[in-house]
């Protein structure tokens, strides 16, 4: 039975400050445990361990959803589940970008875990800020939802159909760091020349590692390593990813706590998910199309109520669109259950089509596995190849992934 206030109204998650505080403490504890386990481990995360951790995080999220159902009712539980599935599926698109960045910079396998761990911490902080700001804007200006809807419709097209590659060495973050930060001597500073050949840039982009350190003291000066540059590129990618994901989940629920908690659970499982699906990520050929359809659906879903009210205000009295219902305030609303069915159905269909059409593409999958396991990671200083390693040559899936990242960034280059 849902928790009730003294006036017999159902308690909303966002009106329970103790729940917010308890959940934040829980997230901090989970991140702390993850950090301790990383420091005790001296090897890359195996596929088996990644699978176990993924099951753990998903199970934890579903257990939390049961508490949401018990305390706040089935409607809030459906909102959490839809939001969690949406964030988890959109995260897979972001993992394509992570895979390309790690391969391009030849990040040693164990340090991939370090970058992902601290990248997740940064993503949580940035996502929390964006969610709170978004919730405040929606509470103050109802039309912000229409702006979010337009953003999602535009992003849907770019995610689904754009096929242009992105060059991590020319991202604005890397270029800024080369200009502003004291990089170690063999770091990618000289790779700023866009006319340099691919092999020349590769030589310059794969130096500058000092084990697991982000900062070192050399020649009496504190300097930044290439590993820190990789972390900044990953963080920049997540910021651009959040430009899509945060508006999308506000299209599913307007409850800030549901938005926040489903985001945090999806991010907590991101590191294990990366190592789990890296071996098969190349086979998700139609993932971007599926994500584009989902984003487009949510964007249109957010715009229809505004269009309906606009026509009503002009005395046209349009019919209620199929699937939509009028709430007690007379506003159009699409039940969360329908959104949940669309999200699950579209993603399941695209995953099935991808599997059926890539049954014989074992070679591509092997390339992704090599990145996660470190098989393709070259020794330090071994960067005199005449071409990019197999991991960094764009397959169709990789090209779409890089494009989805680059297209979500402001003009001027990838973030």
Protein backbone atom coordinates (compact mmCIF):
# COMPACT_ATOMS: atom_id res chain seq x y z
CA UNK A 1 0.00 0.00 0.00
CA UNK A 2 1.43 3.44 -0.90
CA UNK A 3 2.54 5.67 1.98
CA UNK A 4 -0.03 8.34 2.86
CA UNK A 5 0.27 11.81 4.34
CA UNK A 6 -2.00 13.01 7.16
CA UNK A 7 -4.53 14.31 4.64
CA UNK A 8 -4.68 10.86 2.98
CA UNK A 9 -2.91 12.02 -0.18
CA UNK A 10 -0.31 9.71 -1.65
CA UNK A 11 3.26 10.63 -0.70
CA UNK A 12 5.38 11.49 -3.73
CA UNK A 13 9.06 10.45 -3.72
CA UNK A 14 10.12 14.07 -4.27
CA UNK A 15 8.31 15.14 -1.08
CA UNK A 16 10.31 12.73 1.09
CA UNK A 17 13.60 14.47 2.07
CA UNK A 18 14.70 11.45 4.11
CA UNK A 19 14.48 9.32 0.97
CA UNK A 20 16.72 11.76 -0.92
CA UNK A 21 19.30 11.79 1.86
CA UNK A 22 19.26 8.01 2.26
CA UNK A 23 19.63 7.42 -1.46
CA UNK A 24 22.56 9.83 -1.78
CA UNK A 25 24.31 8.07 1.11
CA UNK A 26 23.65 4.72 -0.57
CA UNK A 27 25.17 5.94 -3.86
CA UNK A 28 28.27 7.26 -2.06
CA UNK A 29 28.72 3.91 -0.29
CA UNK A 30 28.44 2.00 -3.58
CA UNK A 31 30.99 4.27 -5.26
CA UNK A 32 33.32 3.87 -2.27
CA UNK A 33 33.08 0.08 -2.45
CA UNK A 34 33.80 0.21 -6.18
CA UNK A 35 36.87 2.36 -5.54
CA UNK A 36 38.18 0.01 -2.84
CA UNK A 37 37.73 -3.04 -5.07
CA UNK A 38 39.52 -1.28 -7.94
CA UNK A 39 42.53 -0.48 -5.76
CA UNK A 40 42.74 -4.10 -4.61
CA UNK A 41 42.65 -5.45 -8.16
CA UNK A 42 45.70 -5.37 -10.44
CA UNK A 43 44.06 -6.70 -13.58
CA UNK A 44 41.39 -5.68 -16.05
CA UNK A 45 37.81 -6.67 -15.30
CA UNK A 46 37.12 -10.07 -16.86
CA UNK A 47 33.97 -10.79 -18.85
CA UNK A 48 32.77 -13.17 -16.13
CA UNK A 49 33.28 -10.59 -13.38
CA UNK A 50 31.62 -7.93 -15.53
CA UNK A 51 28.61 -10.22 -16.03
CA UNK A 52 28.31 -10.85 -12.28
CA UNK A 53 28.60 -7.16 -11.49
CA UNK A 54 26.01 -6.32 -14.17
CA UNK A 55 23.59 -8.83 -12.67
CA UNK A 56 24.27 -7.32 -9.24
CA UNK A 57 23.57 -3.74 -10.35
CA UNK A 58 20.46 -4.68 -12.32
CA UNK A 59 19.17 -6.76 -9.41
CA UNK A 60 19.82 -3.87 -7.03
CA UNK A 61 17.89 -1.50 -9.30
CA UNK A 62 14.96 -3.91 -9.53
CA UNK A 63 15.00 -4.37 -5.75
CA UNK A 64 14.86 -0.61 -5.32
CA UNK A 65 11.97 -0.50 -7.77
CA UNK A 66 10.09 -2.95 -5.57
CA UNK A 67 10.52 -0.49 -2.69
CA UNK A 68 9.22 2.31 -4.92
CA UNK A 69 6.19 0.14 -5.74
CA UNK A 70 5.62 -0.70 -2.06
CA UNK A 71 5.96 2.87 -0.82
CA UNK A 72 4.58 4.96 -3.66
CA UNK A 73 2.41 2.69 -5.79
CA UNK A 74 2.59 0.98 -9.17
CA UNK A 75 2.52 4.21 -11.21
CA UNK A 76 5.81 5.44 -9.72
CA UNK A 77 7.31 1.96 -10.08
CA UNK A 78 6.44 1.99 -13.78
CA UNK A 79 8.01 5.43 -14.14
CA UNK A 80 11.23 4.24 -12.48
CA UNK A 81 11.39 1.11 -14.63
CA UNK A 82 10.79 3.07 -17.85
CA UNK A 83 13.38 5.67 -16.86
CA UNK A 84 15.95 3.03 -15.90
CA UNK A 85 15.51 1.06 -19.12
CA UNK A 86 15.72 4.26 -21.16
CA UNK A 87 18.92 5.43 -19.45
CA UNK A 88 20.51 1.97 -19.63
CA UNK A 89 19.80 1.64 -23.35
CA UNK A 90 21.03 5.15 -24.14
CA UNK A 91 24.18 4.37 -22.14
CA UNK A 92 25.03 1.59 -24.59
CA UNK A 93 25.23 4.24 -27.31
CA UNK A 94 27.71 6.14 -25.14
CA UNK A 95 29.77 2.97 -24.67
CA UNK A 96 30.48 2.95 -28.41
CA UNK A 97 32.22 6.29 -27.95
CA UNK A 98 34.15 5.03 -24.91
CA UNK A 99 35.33 2.06 -26.95
CA UNK A 100 36.62 4.28 -29.74
CA UNK A 101 38.37 6.65 -27.34
CA UNK A 102 40.14 3.84 -25.47
CA UNK A 103 41.23 2.21 -28.72
CA UNK A 104 42.44 5.46 -30.28
CA UNK A 105 44.51 6.49 -27.25
CA UNK A 106 45.63 2.88 -26.64
CA UNK A 107 44.67 3.09 -22.97
CA UNK A 108 46.20 0.15 -21.04
CA UNK A 109 43.46 -2.30 -19.98
CA UNK A 110 43.69 -1.79 -16.22
CA UNK A 111 43.66 1.97 -16.62
CA UNK A 112 40.42 1.70 -18.60
CA UNK A 113 38.84 0.69 -15.28
CA UNK A 114 40.36 3.71 -13.55
CA UNK A 115 39.12 6.13 -16.21
CA UNK A 116 35.63 4.60 -16.15
CA UNK A 117 35.50 4.69 -12.35
CA UNK A 118 36.37 8.37 -12.05
CA UNK A 119 34.38 9.13 -15.18
CA UNK A 120 31.33 7.65 -13.47
CA UNK A 121 31.90 9.80 -10.37
CA UNK A 122 32.09 12.91 -12.54
CA UNK A 123 29.05 11.81 -14.55
CA UNK A 124 27.00 11.43 -11.37
CA UNK A 125 27.85 14.95 -10.22
CA UNK A 126 27.18 16.52 -13.61
CA UNK A 127 23.98 14.52 -14.12
CA UNK A 128 22.67 15.47 -10.68
CA UNK A 129 23.23 19.16 -11.46
CA UNK A 130 21.51 18.87 -14.85
CA UNK A 131 18.54 17.00 -13.37
CA UNK A 132 18.02 19.51 -10.57
CA UNK A 133 18.31 22.45 -12.97
CA UNK A 134 15.95 20.74 -15.43
CA UNK A 135 13.39 20.03 -12.70
CA UNK A 136 13.56 23.64 -11.51
CA UNK A 137 13.07 24.96 -15.05
CA UNK A 138 10.11 22.66 -15.69
CA UNK A 139 8.52 23.64 -12.37
CA UNK A 140 8.95 27.34 -13.22
CA UNK A 141 8.36 27.34 -16.98
CA UNK A 142 6.05 24.63 -18.32
CA UNK A 143 7.09 25.39 -21.91
CA UNK A 144 10.57 24.01 -21.18
CA UNK A 145 9.10 20.55 -21.84
CA UNK A 146 8.31 21.66 -25.39
CA UNK A 147 11.94 22.78 -25.81
CA UNK A 148 13.07 19.38 -24.54
CA UNK A 149 10.75 17.74 -27.06
CA UNK A 150 12.29 19.68 -29.96
CA UNK A 151 15.80 18.76 -28.75
CA UNK A 152 14.85 15.08 -28.70
CA UNK A 153 13.29 15.11 -32.18
CA UNK A 154 16.41 16.73 -33.65
CA UNK A 155 18.70 14.36 -31.72
CA UNK A 156 16.65 11.37 -32.85
CA UNK A 157 17.38 12.10 -36.50
CA UNK A 158 21.08 12.65 -35.89
CA UNK A 159 21.47 9.53 -33.73
CA UNK A 160 19.65 7.31 -36.21
CA UNK A 161 21.01 8.41 -39.57
CA UNK A 162 24.27 10.31 -39.34
CA UNK A 163 27.36 8.29 -40.30
CA UNK A 164 30.29 10.73 -40.02
CA UNK A 165 33.36 9.73 -37.98
CA UNK A 166 34.80 11.73 -35.08
CA UNK A 167 38.53 12.14 -34.44
CA UNK A 168 39.23 12.18 -30.67
CA UNK A 169 42.58 13.89 -31.25
CA UNK A 170 40.78 16.94 -32.65
CA UNK A 171 38.16 17.27 -29.90
CA UNK A 172 37.86 20.69 -28.32
CA UNK A 173 38.73 19.29 -24.91
CA UNK A 174 42.03 17.82 -26.13
CA UNK A 175 42.88 20.95 -28.10
CA UNK A 176 42.17 23.15 -25.09
CA UNK A 177 44.29 20.96 -22.81
CA UNK A 178 47.19 21.05 -25.26
CA UNK A 179 46.99 24.83 -25.17
CA UNK A 180 46.24 25.47 -21.48
CA UNK A 181 47.68 22.61 -19.40
CA UNK A 182 51.29 21.64 -18.68
CA UNK A 183 51.33 18.23 -20.38
CA UNK A 184 54.09 15.68 -19.95
CA UNK A 185 56.74 15.91 -22.66
CA UNK A 186 55.64 12.85 -24.67
CA UNK A 187 51.92 13.69 -24.47
CA UNK A 188 49.68 14.67 -27.44
CA UNK A 189 50.63 18.39 -27.45
CA UNK A 190 52.12 18.29 -30.95
CA UNK A 191 49.12 16.42 -32.36
CA UNK A 192 47.25 19.69 -32.71
CA UNK A 193 48.23 19.94 -36.39
CA UNK A 194 45.13 18.68 -38.28
CA UNK A 195 47.25 18.19 -41.41
CA UNK A 196 49.35 15.50 -39.73
CA UNK A 197 48.89 11.96 -41.00
CA UNK A 198 46.92 9.40 -39.03
CA UNK A 199 50.06 7.49 -38.08
CA UNK A 200 51.82 10.69 -36.95
CA UNK A 201 48.89 11.66 -34.74
CA UNK A 202 48.73 8.12 -33.38
CA UNK A 203 52.38 8.33 -32.32
CA UNK A 204 51.70 11.55 -30.46
CA UNK A 205 48.36 10.52 -28.96
CA UNK A 206 49.52 7.26 -27.37
CA UNK A 207 52.46 8.60 -25.37
CA UNK A 208 52.33 10.44 -22.06
CA UNK A 209 51.18 7.60 -19.79
CA UNK A 210 52.63 7.36 -16.28
CA UNK A 211 50.95 4.22 -15.03
CA UNK A 212 47.64 5.06 -13.38
CA UNK A 213 48.56 8.66 -12.55
CA UNK A 214 46.60 11.64 -13.79
CA UNK A 215 49.25 14.12 -12.61
CA UNK A 216 53.03 13.84 -12.15
CA UNK A 217 55.91 16.11 -11.16
CA UNK A 218 58.61 16.28 -13.84
CA UNK A 219 61.44 18.80 -14.14
CA UNK A 220 60.18 20.40 -10.96
CA UNK A 221 56.75 21.10 -12.48
CA UNK A 222 53.35 19.49 -11.97
CA UNK A 223 52.18 18.08 -15.30
CA UNK A 224 49.12 16.36 -16.77
CA UNK A 225 49.31 12.85 -18.27
CA UNK A 226 47.50 11.48 -21.30
CA UNK A 227 45.32 9.39 -18.98
CA UNK A 228 43.82 12.61 -17.62
CA UNK A 229 43.14 13.80 -21.18
CA UNK A 230 41.26 10.55 -21.83
CA UNK A 231 39.22 11.12 -18.66
CA UNK A 232 38.29 14.62 -19.85
CA UNK A 233 37.23 13.28 -23.26
CA UNK A 234 35.06 10.65 -21.56
CA UNK A 235 33.49 13.30 -19.30
CA UNK A 236 32.85 15.56 -22.28
CA UNK A 237 31.18 12.69 -24.10
CA UNK A 238 28.91 12.09 -21.12
CA UNK A 239 27.92 15.75 -20.95
CA UNK A 240 26.85 15.65 -24.60
CA UNK A 241 25.08 12.35 -23.96
CA UNK A 242 23.18 13.92 -21.05
CA UNK A 243 21.83 16.61 -23.39
CA UNK A 244 19.73 13.79 -24.89
CA UNK A 245 19.15 11.55 -21.89
CA UNK A 246 17.99 14.11 -19.31
CA UNK A 247 15.26 15.61 -21.54
CA UNK A 248 14.28 12.07 -22.56
CA UNK A 249 13.64 10.87 -19.04
CA UNK A 250 11.71 14.05 -18.18
CA UNK A 251 9.50 12.97 -21.06
CA UNK A 252 8.72 9.80 -19.09
CA UNK A 253 8.28 11.27 -15.60
CA UNK A 254 8.32 14.72 -14.06
CA UNK A 255 9.23 13.45 -10.58
CA UNK A 256 12.81 14.63 -9.85
CA UNK A 257 13.56 11.76 -7.48
CA UNK A 258 12.49 9.12 -10.00
CA UNK A 259 14.60 10.86 -12.65
CA UNK A 260 17.59 11.10 -10.31
CA UNK A 261 17.45 7.58 -8.88
CA UNK A 262 16.96 5.84 -12.24
CA UNK A 263 19.89 7.84 -13.67
CA UNK A 264 22.16 6.95 -10.75
CA UNK A 265 21.39 3.23 -10.98
CA UNK A 266 22.07 3.26 -14.73
CA UNK A 267 25.40 5.07 -14.20
CA UNK A 268 26.45 2.76 -11.35
CA UNK A 269 26.24 -0.24 -13.68
CA UNK A 270 27.93 1.50 -16.61
CA UNK A 271 31.50 0.34 -15.93
CA UNK A 272 30.58 -3.34 -15.64
CA UNK A 273 28.31 -3.03 -18.67
CA UNK A 274 31.20 -1.68 -20.75
CA UNK A 275 33.43 -4.69 -20.09
CA UNK A 276 30.50 -7.08 -20.50
CA UNK A 277 29.32 -5.98 -23.93
CA UNK A 278 32.64 -4.78 -25.41
CA UNK A 279 33.07 -8.17 -27.07
CA UNK A 280 29.68 -7.98 -28.78
CA UNK A 281 29.16 -4.24 -29.13
CA UNK A 282 30.12 -4.29 -32.82
CA UNK A 283 27.16 -6.58 -33.54
CA UNK A 284 24.57 -4.04 -32.37
CA UNK A 285 24.27 -2.79 -35.92
CA UNK A 286 20.79 -1.28 -35.62
CA UNK A 287 21.09 0.09 -32.10
CA UNK A 288 21.36 3.71 -33.23
CA UNK A 289 18.21 3.37 -35.33
CA UNK A 290 16.33 1.94 -32.35
CA UNK A 291 17.58 4.69 -30.05
CA UNK A 292 16.62 7.28 -32.65
CA UNK A 293 13.08 5.88 -32.79
CA UNK A 294 12.82 5.92 -28.98
CA UNK A 295 14.11 9.50 -28.72
CA UNK A 296 11.78 10.59 -31.52
CA UNK A 297 8.80 8.90 -29.86
CA UNK A 298 9.47 10.63 -26.53
CA UNK A 299 10.06 13.98 -28.24
CA UNK A 300 6.76 13.79 -30.15
CA UNK A 301 5.02 12.59 -26.99
CA UNK A 302 6.21 15.76 -25.22
CA UNK A 303 5.15 18.05 -28.08
CA UNK A 304 1.63 16.69 -28.70
CA UNK A 305 0.07 18.11 -25.48
CA UNK A 306 1.39 21.60 -26.32
CA UNK A 307 0.09 21.35 -29.89
CA UNK A 308 -3.29 20.17 -28.58
CA UNK A 309 -3.56 23.07 -26.11
CA UNK A 310 -2.48 25.52 -28.82
CA UNK A 311 -5.30 24.36 -31.10
CA UNK A 312 -7.80 24.31 -28.22
CA UNK A 313 -6.94 27.93 -27.39
CA UNK A 314 -7.91 28.86 -30.95
CA UNK A 315 -11.26 27.11 -30.73
CA UNK A 316 -10.40 24.22 -33.07
CA UNK A 317 -11.15 21.44 -30.51
CA UNK A 318 -8.93 18.68 -31.93
CA UNK A 319 -9.68 15.06 -30.98
CA UNK A 320 -7.65 13.30 -28.31
CA UNK A 321 -4.80 11.44 -30.06
CA UNK A 322 -4.80 7.62 -29.80
CA UNK A 323 -3.27 6.38 -26.55
CA UNK A 324 -3.47 9.76 -24.81
CA UNK A 325 -5.85 10.51 -21.94
CA UNK A 326 -6.95 13.71 -20.21
CA UNK A 327 -5.83 14.08 -16.59
CA UNK A 328 -7.86 15.71 -13.82
CA UNK A 329 -6.59 19.14 -14.92
CA UNK A 330 -7.71 18.61 -18.50
CA UNK A 331 -4.19 18.19 -19.88
CA UNK A 332 -3.22 15.46 -22.33
CA UNK A 333 -1.10 12.68 -20.92
CA UNK A 334 0.29 9.44 -22.36
CA UNK A 335 0.27 6.67 -19.72
CA UNK A 336 3.74 5.58 -18.62
CA UNK A 337 2.81 1.98 -19.36
CA UNK A 338 2.54 2.78 -23.07
CA UNK A 339 5.92 4.54 -23.03
CA UNK A 340 7.43 1.53 -21.29
CA UNK A 341 6.02 -0.88 -23.88
CA UNK A 342 7.31 1.25 -26.76
CA UNK A 343 10.82 1.53 -25.26
CA UNK A 344 11.08 -2.20 -24.55
CA UNK A 345 9.51 -3.21 -27.86
CA UNK A 346 11.68 -1.00 -30.08
CA UNK A 347 14.93 -1.92 -28.32
CA UNK A 348 14.10 -5.62 -28.31
CA UNK A 349 13.28 -5.52 -32.03
CA UNK A 350 16.51 -3.69 -32.96
CA UNK A 351 18.57 -6.05 -30.81
CA UNK A 352 16.93 -9.08 -32.44
CA UNK A 353 17.49 -7.72 -35.95
CA UNK A 354 21.12 -6.93 -35.11
CA UNK A 355 21.73 -10.46 -33.85
CA UNK A 356 20.04 -12.09 -36.83
CA UNK A 357 21.95 -10.02 -39.41
CA UNK A 358 25.40 -10.33 -37.77
CA UNK A 359 25.52 -14.04 -36.97
CA UNK A 360 28.67 -14.56 -39.03
CA UNK A 361 30.43 -11.34 -38.01
CA UNK A 362 32.62 -12.91 -35.34
CA UNK A 363 35.63 -10.93 -36.51
CA UNK A 364 34.06 -7.61 -35.59
CA UNK A 365 33.10 -8.86 -32.17
CA UNK A 366 36.62 -10.03 -31.57
CA UNK A 367 37.88 -6.51 -32.19
CA UNK A 368 35.68 -5.13 -29.43
CA UNK A 369 36.78 -7.85 -27.05
CA UNK A 370 40.39 -6.99 -27.72
CA UNK A 371 39.88 -3.43 -26.56
CA UNK A 372 38.32 -4.51 -23.28
CA UNK A 373 40.84 -7.25 -22.60
CA UNK A 374 43.84 -5.23 -23.71
CA UNK A 375 44.92 -7.57 -26.51
CA UNK A 376 45.33 -4.61 -28.85
CA UNK A 377 46.94 -2.28 -26.32
CA UNK A 378 50.44 -1.52 -27.50
CA UNK A 379 53.41 -1.20 -25.13
CA UNK A 380 54.34 2.33 -24.16
CA UNK A 381 56.33 3.92 -26.90
CA UNK A 382 55.22 1.37 -29.50
CA UNK A 383 53.40 3.85 -31.68
CA UNK A 384 55.17 3.75 -35.00
CA UNK A 385 52.47 1.87 -36.86
CA UNK A 386 51.73 2.99 -40.38
CA UNK A 387 48.00 2.92 -39.78
CA UNK A 388 45.52 2.93 -36.95
CA UNK A 389 45.14 -0.40 -35.13
CA UNK A 390 42.19 -2.60 -36.11
CA UNK A 391 40.19 -1.37 -33.11
CA UNK A 392 40.20 2.20 -34.35
CA UNK A 393 39.21 1.56 -37.96
CA UNK A 394 35.59 2.55 -38.19
CA UNK A 395 33.20 -0.31 -38.78
CA UNK A 396 29.64 0.71 -39.72
CA UNK A 397 28.56 0.40 -36.10
CA UNK A 398 31.55 2.36 -34.84
CA UNK A 399 31.02 5.09 -37.41
CA UNK A 400 27.43 5.50 -36.33
CA UNK A 401 28.52 5.56 -32.68
CA UNK A 402 31.15 8.21 -33.25
CA UNK A 403 28.69 10.20 -35.32
CA UNK A 404 26.04 10.08 -32.64
CA UNK A 405 28.52 11.58 -30.21
CA UNK A 406 29.91 14.20 -32.57
CA UNK A 407 26.52 15.31 -33.76
CA UNK A 408 25.26 15.91 -30.25
CA UNK A 409 28.07 18.38 -29.64
CA UNK A 410 27.99 22.10 -30.30
CA UNK A 411 29.54 23.38 -33.54
CA UNK A 412 33.30 23.45 -33.53
CA UNK A 413 34.18 19.83 -33.00
CA UNK A 414 33.57 16.98 -30.64
CA UNK A 415 33.54 17.67 -26.98
